[in-house]
N, C-alpha and C. Protein backbone atom coordinates (compact mmCIF):
# COMPACT_ATOMS: atom_id res chain seq x y z
N UNK A 1 -88.13 25.81 63.69
CA UNK A 1 -88.17 24.11 63.74
C UNK A 1 -89.39 23.63 63.42
N UNK A 2 -90.95 24.00 62.61
CA UNK A 2 -91.58 23.37 62.18
C UNK A 2 -91.21 23.69 60.81
N UNK A 3 -91.11 24.53 60.51
CA UNK A 3 -90.21 24.27 59.04
C UNK A 3 -88.97 23.03 58.61
N UNK A 4 -87.91 22.58 59.62
CA UNK A 4 -87.35 22.36 59.33
C UNK A 4 -88.13 20.84 59.17
N UNK A 5 -88.59 20.74 60.14
CA UNK A 5 -89.01 19.41 60.14
C UNK A 5 -90.08 19.07 58.89
N UNK A 6 -91.26 20.06 58.32
CA UNK A 6 -91.34 20.43 57.06
C UNK A 6 -90.59 19.38 56.08
N UNK A 7 -89.59 20.63 56.12
CA UNK A 7 -88.93 20.34 55.07
C UNK A 7 -88.49 18.86 54.97
N UNK A 8 -88.11 18.20 55.82
CA UNK A 8 -87.73 17.21 56.21
C UNK A 8 -88.46 15.71 55.41
N UNK A 9 -89.80 15.78 56.01
CA UNK A 9 -90.64 15.29 55.92
C UNK A 9 -90.90 15.40 54.08
N UNK A 10 -90.60 16.20 54.03
CA UNK A 10 -90.68 16.80 52.35
C UNK A 10 -89.99 16.43 51.61
N UNK A 11 -88.50 16.41 51.71
CA UNK A 11 -87.77 15.33 51.51
C UNK A 11 -87.89 13.27 51.46
N UNK A 12 -88.25 13.01 52.63
CA UNK A 12 -89.08 11.75 52.88
C UNK A 12 -89.90 11.19 51.73
N UNK A 13 -90.61 12.27 51.31
CA UNK A 13 -92.19 12.32 50.97
C UNK A 13 -91.25 11.73 49.57
N UNK A 14 -90.14 12.42 48.52
CA UNK A 14 -90.49 12.62 47.04
C UNK A 14 -89.13 12.14 46.84
N UNK A 15 -88.03 11.43 48.27
CA UNK A 15 -87.24 10.33 48.13
C UNK A 15 -87.85 9.30 47.97
N UNK A 16 -88.72 8.44 49.12
CA UNK A 16 -89.68 7.62 48.75
C UNK A 16 -90.58 7.18 47.76
N UNK A 17 -90.90 8.55 46.86
CA UNK A 17 -91.18 8.78 45.87
C UNK A 17 -90.85 7.93 44.18
N UNK A 18 -89.34 8.91 44.70
CA UNK A 18 -88.42 8.61 43.26
C UNK A 18 -88.25 7.20 43.70
N UNK A 19 -87.75 6.62 44.52
CA UNK A 19 -87.68 4.52 45.62
C UNK A 19 -88.91 3.85 44.51
N UNK A 20 -90.21 4.29 44.54
CA UNK A 20 -91.06 3.97 44.50
C UNK A 20 -91.38 3.29 42.41
N UNK A 21 -90.37 4.99 42.07
CA UNK A 21 -90.52 5.02 40.84
C UNK A 21 -89.94 4.05 39.95
N UNK A 22 -88.66 4.61 40.82
CA UNK A 22 -88.01 3.54 39.93
C UNK A 22 -87.36 2.03 40.37
N UNK A 23 -88.46 1.49 41.01
CA UNK A 23 -88.51 0.38 41.67
C UNK A 23 -89.55 -0.30 40.37
N UNK A 24 -90.50 0.13 40.51
CA UNK A 24 -91.70 0.28 39.58
C UNK A 24 -91.58 0.05 37.76
N UNK A 25 -90.40 0.59 37.47
CA UNK A 25 -89.93 1.19 36.25
C UNK A 25 -88.73 0.60 35.39
N UNK A 26 -88.10 0.15 37.00
CA UNK A 26 -86.42 -0.24 36.44
C UNK A 26 -86.63 -2.39 36.24
N UNK A 27 -86.41 -2.75 35.14
CA UNK A 27 -86.57 -4.00 35.13
C UNK A 27 -86.16 -5.07 35.71
N UNK A 28 -86.62 -5.91 36.46
CA UNK A 28 -86.12 -6.85 37.43
C UNK A 28 -84.89 -8.02 37.03
N UNK A 29 -85.49 -9.03 35.22
CA UNK A 29 -85.09 -10.03 34.58
C UNK A 29 -84.87 -9.23 33.72
N UNK A 30 -84.22 -10.57 32.87
CA UNK A 30 -84.25 -10.51 31.63
C UNK A 30 -84.94 -9.84 30.49
N UNK A 31 -86.24 -10.52 31.05
CA UNK A 31 -87.19 -10.56 30.31
C UNK A 31 -88.38 -9.63 30.65
N UNK A 32 -88.14 -8.49 31.06
CA UNK A 32 -88.47 -7.16 31.49
C UNK A 32 -87.28 -6.11 30.47
N UNK A 33 -86.62 -6.91 29.83
CA UNK A 33 -85.71 -5.47 29.11
C UNK A 33 -85.73 -5.60 27.82
N UNK A 34 -85.89 -4.40 27.05
CA UNK A 34 -87.35 -4.17 25.51
C UNK A 34 -85.41 -3.75 24.91
N UNK A 35 -85.12 -4.53 23.14
CA UNK A 35 -85.98 -5.48 22.94
C UNK A 35 -85.27 -6.52 24.17
N UNK A 36 -85.47 -8.19 24.23
CA UNK A 36 -85.42 -8.56 25.08
C UNK A 36 -83.58 -9.60 24.32
N UNK A 37 -82.74 -9.25 25.24
CA UNK A 37 -81.11 -10.03 24.84
C UNK A 37 -81.24 -11.19 24.39
N UNK A 38 -80.72 -11.39 23.67
CA UNK A 38 -80.58 -12.22 22.52
C UNK A 38 -79.09 -12.93 23.57
N UNK A 39 -79.46 -15.01 24.25
CA UNK A 39 -77.90 -15.07 24.63
C UNK A 39 -77.58 -16.74 24.30
N UNK A 40 -76.74 -16.70 24.49
CA UNK A 40 -76.07 -18.47 24.24
C UNK A 40 -75.12 -18.73 25.11
N UNK A 41 -74.87 -19.96 25.63
CA UNK A 41 -74.26 -21.24 26.43
C UNK A 41 -73.11 -21.78 25.61
N UNK A 42 -72.22 -21.01 26.40
CA UNK A 42 -70.97 -21.95 25.27
C UNK A 42 -69.67 -22.87 25.81
N UNK A 43 -69.80 -24.39 25.65
CA UNK A 43 -69.21 -24.85 26.86
C UNK A 43 -68.77 -26.23 26.39
N UNK A 44 -68.90 -26.92 27.48
CA UNK A 44 -67.85 -28.29 27.36
C UNK A 44 -69.70 -29.77 27.76
N UNK A 45 -69.15 -30.91 28.96
CA UNK A 45 -70.72 -31.12 29.20
C UNK A 45 -71.41 -30.79 30.42
N UNK A 46 -70.43 -29.25 31.51
CA UNK A 46 -71.21 -29.11 32.23
C UNK A 46 -72.96 -28.01 31.51
N UNK A 47 -72.68 -27.41 30.29
CA UNK A 47 -72.92 -26.54 30.15
C UNK A 47 -74.29 -27.42 28.59
N UNK A 48 -73.86 -28.58 28.22
CA UNK A 48 -74.48 -29.03 27.68
C UNK A 48 -76.15 -30.07 28.70
N UNK A 49 -75.26 -30.34 30.11
CA UNK A 49 -75.93 -30.87 30.16
C UNK A 49 -76.25 -32.60 30.84
N UNK A 50 -74.61 -33.04 30.34
CA UNK A 50 -74.67 -34.86 31.30
C UNK A 50 -74.61 -34.68 32.07
N UNK A 51 -75.06 -35.47 32.16
CA UNK A 51 -76.01 -35.84 34.29
C UNK A 51 -77.19 -35.34 34.47
N UNK A 52 -77.59 -34.60 34.01
CA UNK A 52 -79.01 -34.27 34.25
C UNK A 52 -80.24 -34.90 33.04
N UNK A 53 -81.44 -34.95 33.89
CA UNK A 53 -82.34 -35.58 33.21
C UNK A 53 -82.46 -34.64 32.33
N UNK A 54 -82.87 -35.17 31.13
CA UNK A 54 -83.96 -34.08 29.79
C UNK A 54 -84.54 -33.25 30.17
N UNK A 55 -84.12 -31.82 30.12
CA UNK A 55 -85.07 -30.39 30.16
C UNK A 55 -84.76 -30.25 31.52
N UNK A 56 -83.93 -30.95 32.30
CA UNK A 56 -82.93 -30.61 33.85
C UNK A 56 -81.97 -29.81 34.08
N UNK A 57 -81.20 -29.52 32.75
CA UNK A 57 -79.89 -29.32 32.73
C UNK A 57 -80.24 -28.15 32.91
N UNK A 58 -78.70 -26.82 33.29
CA UNK A 58 -78.36 -25.74 34.30
C UNK A 58 -78.88 -24.95 33.05
N UNK A 59 -78.80 -24.26 31.85
CA UNK A 59 -78.59 -23.65 31.13
C UNK A 59 -80.60 -23.21 30.46
N UNK A 60 -81.21 -24.87 30.47
CA UNK A 60 -82.72 -25.31 30.87
C UNK A 60 -83.20 -23.87 31.49
N UNK A 61 -82.38 -24.72 32.76
CA UNK A 61 -83.44 -23.80 33.96
C UNK A 61 -83.27 -22.38 34.30
N UNK A 62 -81.40 -21.94 33.65
CA UNK A 62 -81.04 -20.23 33.91
C UNK A 62 -82.29 -19.93 32.37
N UNK A 63 -82.50 -20.96 31.50
CA UNK A 63 -83.19 -19.75 30.74
C UNK A 63 -85.04 -19.82 31.69
N UNK A 64 -85.76 -21.20 31.89
CA UNK A 64 -86.99 -20.44 31.92
C UNK A 64 -87.18 -19.46 34.15
N UNK A 65 -85.69 -19.30 34.63
CA UNK A 65 -85.94 -18.30 35.55
C UNK A 65 -85.68 -16.77 35.33
N UNK A 66 -84.67 -16.98 33.70
CA UNK A 66 -85.09 -15.27 33.63
C UNK A 66 -85.77 -15.04 32.51
N UNK A 67 -86.82 -16.28 31.72
CA UNK A 67 -87.32 -15.58 30.70
C UNK A 67 -87.54 -15.29 29.49
N UNK A 68 -85.80 -15.62 29.39
CA UNK A 68 -85.14 -15.48 27.94
C UNK A 68 -84.93 -16.75 27.49
N UNK A 69 -85.24 -16.92 25.39
CA UNK A 69 -84.24 -18.22 25.77
C UNK A 69 -82.60 -18.06 25.60
N UNK A 70 -82.67 -18.77 25.73
CA UNK A 70 -81.16 -19.67 25.91
C UNK A 70 -80.61 -20.65 24.36
N UNK A 71 -79.63 -20.33 23.46
CA UNK A 71 -79.47 -21.06 22.91
C UNK A 71 -78.18 -22.28 23.58
N UNK A 72 -78.35 -22.98 23.69
CA UNK A 72 -76.83 -24.06 24.03
C UNK A 72 -76.22 -24.09 22.88
N UNK A 73 -74.81 -24.02 23.37
CA UNK A 73 -73.73 -24.42 22.03
C UNK A 73 -72.86 -25.07 22.94
N UNK A 74 -73.48 -26.00 23.91
CA UNK A 74 -72.70 -26.50 24.25
C UNK A 74 -72.25 -28.13 24.15
N UNK A 75 -71.07 -28.64 24.63
CA UNK A 75 -70.48 -29.97 23.58
C UNK A 75 -69.78 -31.07 24.45
N UNK A 76 -70.08 -32.05 25.71
CA UNK A 76 -69.48 -32.87 26.21
C UNK A 76 -67.57 -33.17 25.49
N UNK A 77 -67.13 -32.65 26.40
CA UNK A 77 -66.00 -33.83 25.88
C UNK A 77 -64.95 -32.64 25.80
N UNK A 78 -65.46 -31.63 25.29
CA UNK A 78 -64.82 -30.13 24.39
C UNK A 78 -63.50 -29.45 26.00
N UNK A 79 -62.36 -29.52 25.27
CA UNK A 79 -61.24 -28.35 25.74
C UNK A 79 -61.41 -27.37 25.41
N UNK A 80 -61.55 -26.42 25.77
CA UNK A 80 -60.76 -25.04 25.50
C UNK A 80 -60.53 -24.69 24.31
N UNK A 81 -59.79 -25.72 23.32
CA UNK A 81 -59.29 -25.80 22.11
C UNK A 81 -60.00 -25.95 20.93
N UNK A 82 -60.73 -27.48 22.22
CA UNK A 82 -62.10 -27.59 20.67
C UNK A 82 -62.60 -26.41 20.79
N UNK A 83 -63.29 -26.12 22.18
CA UNK A 83 -64.10 -24.78 21.64
C UNK A 83 -63.99 -24.46 20.53
N UNK A 84 -62.88 -23.44 20.95
CA UNK A 84 -61.48 -22.31 20.28
C UNK A 84 -62.44 -22.64 18.70
N UNK A 85 -62.32 -23.93 18.31
CA UNK A 85 -61.76 -24.16 16.89
C UNK A 85 -63.54 -24.07 16.05
N UNK A 86 -65.13 -24.34 17.31
CA UNK A 86 -65.64 -23.76 16.54
C UNK A 86 -66.56 -22.83 16.51
N UNK A 87 -66.18 -21.58 17.59
CA UNK A 87 -66.06 -20.37 17.73
C UNK A 87 -67.07 -19.09 17.26
N UNK A 88 -66.93 -20.15 15.81
CA UNK A 88 -67.81 -19.16 14.50
C UNK A 88 -69.05 -19.37 14.70
N UNK A 89 -68.73 -20.71 14.44
CA UNK A 89 -70.51 -20.76 15.13
C UNK A 89 -71.37 -20.43 15.75
N UNK A 90 -70.81 -19.67 17.41
CA UNK A 90 -71.40 -19.29 17.88
C UNK A 90 -71.65 -18.05 17.82
N UNK A 91 -70.78 -17.11 17.01
CA UNK A 91 -70.55 -15.45 16.84
C UNK A 91 -71.58 -15.51 15.77
N UNK A 92 -72.10 -17.11 14.30
CA UNK A 92 -73.36 -16.60 13.66
C UNK A 92 -74.32 -15.87 14.08
N UNK A 93 -74.61 -16.37 14.89
CA UNK A 93 -76.03 -16.69 15.72
C UNK A 93 -75.91 -15.12 16.77
N UNK A 94 -75.20 -14.75 15.81
CA UNK A 94 -74.68 -13.26 17.14
C UNK A 94 -75.76 -12.51 17.85
N UNK A 95 -74.99 -12.77 19.17
CA UNK A 95 -75.88 -13.26 20.27
C UNK A 95 -75.38 -11.65 20.98
N UNK A 96 -76.55 -11.20 21.52
CA UNK A 96 -75.51 -10.21 22.67
C UNK A 96 -75.42 -10.29 24.21
N UNK A 97 -75.48 -12.03 24.68
CA UNK A 97 -74.49 -12.12 25.68
C UNK A 97 -73.97 -13.98 25.95
N UNK A 98 -73.33 -14.22 25.95
CA UNK A 98 -72.67 -15.34 25.56
C UNK A 98 -72.06 -16.28 27.13
N UNK A 99 -72.47 -16.79 27.84
CA UNK A 99 -72.02 -18.03 28.66
C UNK A 99 -71.05 -18.36 28.33
N UNK A 100 -69.48 -18.23 29.41
CA UNK A 100 -68.29 -19.13 29.07
C UNK A 100 -68.00 -20.07 29.93
N UNK A 101 -68.16 -21.75 29.55
CA UNK A 101 -67.73 -22.24 30.21
C UNK A 101 -66.95 -23.53 30.06
N UNK A 102 -65.70 -23.13 30.25
CA UNK A 102 -65.01 -24.37 29.90
C UNK A 102 -63.83 -24.16 30.92
N UNK A 103 -63.14 -25.35 30.48
CA UNK A 103 -61.53 -25.22 31.24
C UNK A 103 -62.02 -26.90 32.14
N UNK A 104 -62.60 -27.08 32.22
CA UNK A 104 -62.91 -28.94 32.98
C UNK A 104 -62.04 -30.01 32.30
N UNK A 105 -62.29 -30.02 30.72
CA UNK A 105 -61.80 -31.28 30.80
C UNK A 105 -60.00 -30.74 30.02
N UNK A 106 -59.51 -29.40 29.66
CA UNK A 106 -58.24 -29.26 29.61
C UNK A 106 -58.15 -29.85 31.21
N UNK A 107 -58.20 -29.39 32.19
CA UNK A 107 -57.79 -29.74 33.58
C UNK A 107 -58.44 -31.48 33.63
N UNK A 108 -58.92 -32.76 33.00
CA UNK A 108 -58.55 -33.45 33.38
C UNK A 108 -57.84 -34.25 32.18
N UNK A 109 -57.26 -33.23 31.15
CA UNK A 109 -56.54 -34.00 30.32
C UNK A 109 -54.59 -33.38 30.45
N UNK A 110 -54.56 -33.15 31.83
CA UNK A 110 -53.20 -32.26 32.32
C UNK A 110 -52.69 -31.38 30.65
N UNK A 111 -53.87 -30.71 30.04
CA UNK A 111 -52.88 -29.57 28.96
C UNK A 111 -52.30 -28.61 29.88
N UNK A 112 -51.89 -27.64 29.64
CA UNK A 112 -50.53 -27.25 30.89
C UNK A 112 -51.90 -25.62 31.41
N UNK A 113 -51.58 -25.23 32.14
CA UNK A 113 -52.69 -23.99 32.28
C UNK A 113 -52.63 -22.85 31.60
N UNK A 114 -51.20 -22.66 30.93
CA UNK A 114 -51.18 -21.61 30.57
C UNK A 114 -51.67 -21.67 28.90
N UNK A 115 -51.74 -23.03 28.47
CA UNK A 115 -52.68 -23.35 26.77
C UNK A 115 -53.70 -23.08 26.73
N UNK A 116 -54.67 -23.49 28.20
CA UNK A 116 -55.33 -23.38 28.60
C UNK A 116 -56.37 -21.73 28.67
N UNK A 117 -54.85 -20.88 29.47
CA UNK A 117 -55.18 -19.73 29.22
C UNK A 117 -55.73 -18.74 28.35
N UNK A 118 -54.42 -19.57 27.08
CA UNK A 118 -54.56 -18.46 26.06
C UNK A 118 -56.07 -18.73 25.38
N UNK A 119 -56.07 -20.33 25.05
CA UNK A 119 -57.03 -20.28 24.28
C UNK A 119 -58.67 -20.10 24.55
N UNK A 120 -58.71 -19.46 26.54
CA UNK A 120 -60.02 -18.86 26.51
C UNK A 120 -59.63 -17.29 26.41
N UNK A 121 -58.35 -16.88 26.30
CA UNK A 121 -58.33 -15.18 25.41
C UNK A 121 -58.79 -14.99 24.46
N UNK A 122 -58.79 -15.91 23.49
CA UNK A 122 -58.95 -15.80 22.69
C UNK A 122 -60.05 -16.16 22.11
N UNK A 123 -61.44 -16.99 23.15
CA UNK A 123 -62.07 -16.79 22.35
C UNK A 123 -63.04 -16.01 23.70
N UNK A 124 -62.44 -14.72 24.50
CA UNK A 124 -63.07 -13.87 25.20
C UNK A 124 -63.06 -12.68 24.02
N UNK A 125 -61.64 -12.56 23.39
CA UNK A 125 -61.25 -11.30 22.29
C UNK A 125 -62.33 -11.56 21.42
N UNK A 126 -62.74 -13.10 20.95
CA UNK A 126 -63.38 -12.56 19.68
C UNK A 126 -65.16 -12.21 20.44
N UNK A 127 -65.46 -12.02 21.47
CA UNK A 127 -67.18 -11.85 21.24
C UNK A 127 -66.42 -10.74 21.43
N UNK A 128 -65.60 -10.46 22.08
CA UNK A 128 -66.07 -9.42 22.52
C UNK A 128 -65.24 -8.00 21.00
N UNK A 129 -64.64 -8.68 20.42
CA UNK A 129 -64.75 -8.27 18.84
C UNK A 129 -65.89 -7.52 17.72
N UNK A 130 -66.77 -8.32 18.34
CA UNK A 130 -68.66 -8.69 17.89
C UNK A 130 -68.80 -7.77 19.05
N UNK A 131 -68.72 -7.12 19.92
CA UNK A 131 -69.44 -6.43 20.93
C UNK A 131 -70.54 -7.20 22.13
N UNK A 132 -70.10 -8.36 22.15
CA UNK A 132 -70.79 -9.53 22.87
C UNK A 132 -70.12 -9.42 24.21
N UNK A 133 -71.12 -9.67 24.85
CA UNK A 133 -70.84 -9.50 26.44
C UNK A 133 -70.34 -11.10 26.93
N UNK A 134 -69.47 -11.37 27.51
CA UNK A 134 -69.10 -12.66 28.02
C UNK A 134 -69.62 -12.78 29.45
N UNK A 135 -70.09 -14.42 30.12
CA UNK A 135 -69.86 -14.07 31.39
C UNK A 135 -69.10 -15.15 31.31
N UNK A 136 -68.20 -15.36 32.71
CA UNK A 136 -66.80 -16.32 32.40
C UNK A 136 -66.94 -16.81 33.82
N UNK A 137 -67.42 -17.70 33.67
CA UNK A 137 -67.95 -19.22 34.83
C UNK A 137 -66.58 -20.08 34.59
N UNK A 138 -65.74 -19.79 35.90
CA UNK A 138 -64.19 -20.49 36.35
C UNK A 138 -65.01 -21.90 36.40
N UNK A 139 -64.33 -22.78 37.02
CA UNK A 139 -64.73 -24.62 36.96
C UNK A 139 -63.01 -24.41 38.06
N UNK A 140 -62.57 -25.83 38.80
CA UNK A 140 -62.05 -26.30 39.61
C UNK A 140 -61.07 -26.53 38.58
N UNK A 141 -59.59 -26.19 38.77
CA UNK A 141 -58.82 -26.53 37.95
C UNK A 141 -57.42 -28.12 38.68
N UNK A 142 -58.33 -28.06 39.70
CA UNK A 142 -57.24 -30.21 40.45
C UNK A 142 -57.71 -29.62 41.74
N UNK A 143 -57.34 -30.74 42.55
CA UNK A 143 -56.64 -30.80 43.90
C UNK A 143 -55.74 -30.79 45.27
N UNK A 144 -54.49 -30.61 45.83
CA UNK A 144 -55.74 -29.58 46.27
C UNK A 144 -55.42 -27.70 46.56
N UNK A 145 -54.57 -27.81 45.24
CA UNK A 145 -54.89 -26.25 45.18
C UNK A 145 -55.21 -26.31 43.63
N UNK A 146 -55.77 -24.34 43.26
CA UNK A 146 -56.73 -24.84 41.71
C UNK A 146 -56.04 -23.61 41.20
N UNK A 147 -55.18 -24.28 40.06
CA UNK A 147 -53.95 -23.38 38.99
C UNK A 147 -55.88 -23.09 38.83
N UNK A 148 -56.07 -22.39 38.14
CA UNK A 148 -57.03 -21.93 37.79
C UNK A 148 -57.95 -20.78 38.10
N UNK A 149 -57.78 -20.77 39.44
CA UNK A 149 -58.32 -19.52 40.12
C UNK A 149 -57.86 -18.66 40.15
N UNK A 150 -56.42 -18.37 39.85
CA UNK A 150 -56.16 -17.43 39.53
C UNK A 150 -56.01 -17.02 38.02
N UNK A 151 -56.12 -18.44 36.94
CA UNK A 151 -56.19 -17.94 35.46
C UNK A 151 -57.33 -17.52 35.31
N UNK A 152 -58.14 -17.27 36.36
CA UNK A 152 -60.00 -16.84 35.53
C UNK A 152 -59.51 -15.53 36.09
N UNK A 153 -59.30 -15.09 37.22
CA UNK A 153 -59.17 -13.48 38.02
C UNK A 153 -58.95 -12.81 36.56
N UNK A 154 -57.60 -13.20 36.27
CA UNK A 154 -56.23 -12.37 35.42
C UNK A 154 -57.58 -12.29 34.14
N UNK A 155 -57.82 -13.87 33.61
CA UNK A 155 -58.82 -13.07 32.24
C UNK A 155 -60.41 -11.95 33.05
N UNK A 156 -61.38 -12.62 33.98
CA UNK A 156 -61.84 -11.29 34.22
C UNK A 156 -61.10 -9.87 34.31
N UNK A 157 -60.01 -9.99 34.63
CA UNK A 157 -59.54 -8.11 35.08
C UNK A 157 -58.68 -8.02 33.71
N UNK A 158 -58.59 -8.97 32.70
CA UNK A 158 -57.92 -8.39 30.94
C UNK A 158 -58.92 -8.05 30.29
N UNK A 159 -60.64 -8.25 30.38
CA UNK A 159 -60.54 -8.61 29.55
C UNK A 159 -62.10 -7.39 30.38
N UNK A 160 -62.05 -7.15 30.87
CA UNK A 160 -63.28 -6.16 32.09
C UNK A 160 -64.34 -7.50 32.02
N UNK A 161 -64.81 -8.33 31.90
CA UNK A 161 -66.12 -9.26 31.79
C UNK A 161 -66.06 -9.70 33.17
N UNK A 162 -67.17 -10.15 33.31
CA UNK A 162 -67.68 -10.80 35.19
C UNK A 162 -67.27 -12.21 34.98
N UNK A 163 -66.86 -12.30 36.32
CA UNK A 163 -66.39 -13.70 36.50
C UNK A 163 -67.11 -14.76 37.93
N UNK A 164 -67.89 -15.52 37.58
CA UNK A 164 -68.67 -16.73 38.17
C UNK A 164 -67.53 -17.55 38.66
N UNK A 165 -66.83 -17.79 39.90
CA UNK A 165 -65.92 -18.01 40.40
C UNK A 165 -66.12 -19.46 40.75
N UNK A 166 -65.39 -20.84 40.72
CA UNK A 166 -66.08 -21.94 40.44
C UNK A 166 -66.92 -22.35 41.02
N UNK A 167 -67.76 -23.05 39.55
CA UNK A 167 -69.06 -23.08 39.55
C UNK A 167 -69.61 -24.08 40.21
N UNK A 168 -68.29 -25.47 40.51
CA UNK A 168 -68.62 -26.61 40.56
C UNK A 168 -69.00 -26.69 42.60
N UNK A 169 -68.10 -25.13 43.15
CA UNK A 169 -67.66 -25.34 44.69
C UNK A 169 -69.46 -25.54 45.74
N UNK A 170 -69.27 -26.69 46.25
CA UNK A 170 -70.21 -27.09 46.93
C UNK A 170 -71.16 -28.33 46.59
N UNK A 171 -70.22 -28.39 45.29
CA UNK A 171 -71.16 -29.69 45.24
C UNK A 171 -70.31 -30.86 44.44
N UNK A 172 -69.30 -30.84 44.49
CA UNK A 172 -68.24 -32.08 44.63
C UNK A 172 -67.85 -32.36 45.46
N UNK A 173 -68.30 -33.99 45.43
CA UNK A 173 -68.23 -34.83 47.42
C UNK A 173 -69.59 -34.83 47.27
N UNK A 174 -70.57 -34.24 46.82
CA UNK A 174 -72.17 -34.49 47.96
C UNK A 174 -72.97 -35.44 46.90
N UNK A 175 -72.80 -36.29 47.11
CA UNK A 175 -73.68 -37.62 46.32
C UNK A 175 -75.35 -36.93 46.12
N UNK A 176 -76.12 -36.11 46.40
CA UNK A 176 -77.43 -35.20 46.49
C UNK A 176 -77.19 -34.60 45.24
N UNK A 177 -76.16 -33.98 44.96
CA UNK A 177 -76.07 -33.35 44.02
C UNK A 177 -74.97 -33.73 42.45
N UNK A 178 -73.92 -34.96 42.77
CA UNK A 178 -73.62 -35.24 41.56
C UNK A 178 -74.14 -36.81 41.37
N UNK A 179 -74.32 -36.56 39.16
CA UNK A 179 -74.62 -38.09 39.23
C UNK A 179 -73.06 -38.86 38.86
N UNK A 180 -71.74 -38.38 39.02
CA UNK A 180 -71.08 -39.18 39.25
C UNK A 180 -69.87 -37.78 40.00
N UNK A 181 -68.69 -38.69 39.89
CA UNK A 181 -67.39 -37.08 40.39
C UNK A 181 -67.05 -36.18 40.02
N UNK A 182 -67.51 -36.28 38.84
CA UNK A 182 -67.22 -34.66 38.15
C UNK A 182 -68.16 -34.12 37.08
N UNK A 183 -69.48 -35.12 37.28
CA UNK A 183 -70.73 -33.93 36.83
C UNK A 183 -71.94 -33.75 37.70
N UNK A 184 -72.82 -32.87 37.77
CA UNK A 184 -73.96 -32.70 38.43
C UNK A 184 -75.06 -33.60 38.26
N UNK A 185 -75.65 -33.56 39.36
CA UNK A 185 -76.93 -34.45 38.80
C UNK A 185 -77.56 -33.20 38.44
N UNK A 186 -79.24 -33.99 38.18
CA UNK A 186 -80.92 -32.36 38.28
C UNK A 186 -80.38 -31.57 39.20
N UNK A 187 -80.89 -31.49 40.33
CA UNK A 187 -80.22 -31.16 42.33
C UNK A 187 -78.94 -30.47 42.04
N UNK A 188 -77.86 -30.58 40.83
CA UNK A 188 -76.77 -30.25 40.52
C UNK A 188 -77.07 -29.14 40.11
N UNK A 189 -77.75 -29.37 38.98
CA UNK A 189 -77.80 -28.06 37.66
C UNK A 189 -78.49 -27.29 38.67
N UNK A 190 -79.40 -27.32 38.86
CA UNK A 190 -80.24 -26.18 39.79
C UNK A 190 -79.20 -25.43 40.35
N UNK A 191 -78.19 -25.90 41.77
CA UNK A 191 -77.62 -24.82 41.85
C UNK A 191 -77.25 -24.12 40.65
N UNK A 192 -76.65 -24.90 39.73
CA UNK A 192 -75.84 -23.75 39.23
C UNK A 192 -76.74 -22.90 38.71
N UNK A 193 -77.60 -23.20 37.94
CA UNK A 193 -78.89 -22.22 36.95
C UNK A 193 -79.01 -20.68 38.27
N UNK A 194 -79.07 -21.84 39.60
CA UNK A 194 -79.48 -20.54 41.03
C UNK A 194 -77.82 -18.92 40.96
N UNK A 195 -76.82 -20.23 40.90
CA UNK A 195 -75.92 -19.22 40.71
C UNK A 195 -75.64 -18.04 39.72
N UNK A 196 -76.11 -18.51 38.39
CA UNK A 196 -75.72 -17.57 37.25
C UNK A 196 -76.78 -16.98 37.05
N UNK A 197 -77.98 -16.94 37.61
CA UNK A 197 -78.99 -16.06 37.93
C UNK A 197 -78.26 -14.73 37.69
N UNK A 198 -78.06 -14.09 39.27
CA UNK A 198 -77.76 -12.69 39.43
C UNK A 198 -77.19 -12.07 38.47
N UNK A 199 -75.47 -12.45 37.48
CA UNK A 199 -74.75 -12.31 37.34
C UNK A 199 -75.32 -11.86 36.20
N UNK A 200 -76.16 -12.81 35.39
CA UNK A 200 -76.81 -13.08 33.95
C UNK A 200 -78.00 -12.20 33.98
N UNK A 201 -78.14 -11.42 34.63
CA UNK A 201 -79.59 -11.19 34.98
C UNK A 201 -78.58 -8.96 35.11
N UNK A 202 -78.13 -8.79 35.35
CA UNK A 202 -77.17 -7.63 35.67
C UNK A 202 -76.35 -7.41 34.29
N UNK A 203 -76.13 -8.56 33.65
CA UNK A 203 -74.99 -8.15 32.24
C UNK A 203 -76.79 -7.67 31.65
N UNK A 204 -77.25 -8.56 31.47
CA UNK A 204 -79.26 -7.87 30.66
C UNK A 204 -79.45 -6.69 31.01
N UNK A 205 -79.21 -6.18 32.29
CA UNK A 205 -79.42 -5.03 32.23
C UNK A 205 -78.62 -3.67 31.83
N UNK A 206 -76.89 -4.08 31.89
CA UNK A 206 -76.14 -3.19 31.77
C UNK A 206 -75.75 -3.39 29.78
N UNK A 207 -76.30 -4.68 29.72
CA UNK A 207 -75.27 -5.15 27.91
C UNK A 207 -76.41 -4.38 27.17
């Protein structure tokens, strides 16, 4: 009996020591990865920071939270087709990770979901061809139903990329988080950054 107890105690000590070792030596955020990954954010006004004060956009906040610079490739008003035209600008920087946040302007302009999906597919293909790890960010595609939800799920599965679903969930319709009907204010951009952090950290540790 005493031997069994001793063995159990030894196993617990060894397990606890291993857990402590892993906790002390495993990177906890992107800035702990060596070398630090290069990251870009590719999208429309939600990436560009429309509605937020200077320096208080989601990408700037996200960069501060993970401790790694993020190159902002956001252009207000861009549709998925507009973004596809300028994908080479992103590829030229040779990033390790690219956040892809597009589709809102497609919805506003009534562009067919099939066209948006095709454009996003081509963007993801171009990124993956260069061994770049995309983080796909979803947006709502309409009310009362969301035709984009299924589209983003398909893209995530087809290209085996992580998906942040409907980034504006919990923000639209709440004046304290919105600068207008569709653009978050500085407080809303903090919420967006908070949603992105865990997904981006997992990508940093696995890329």
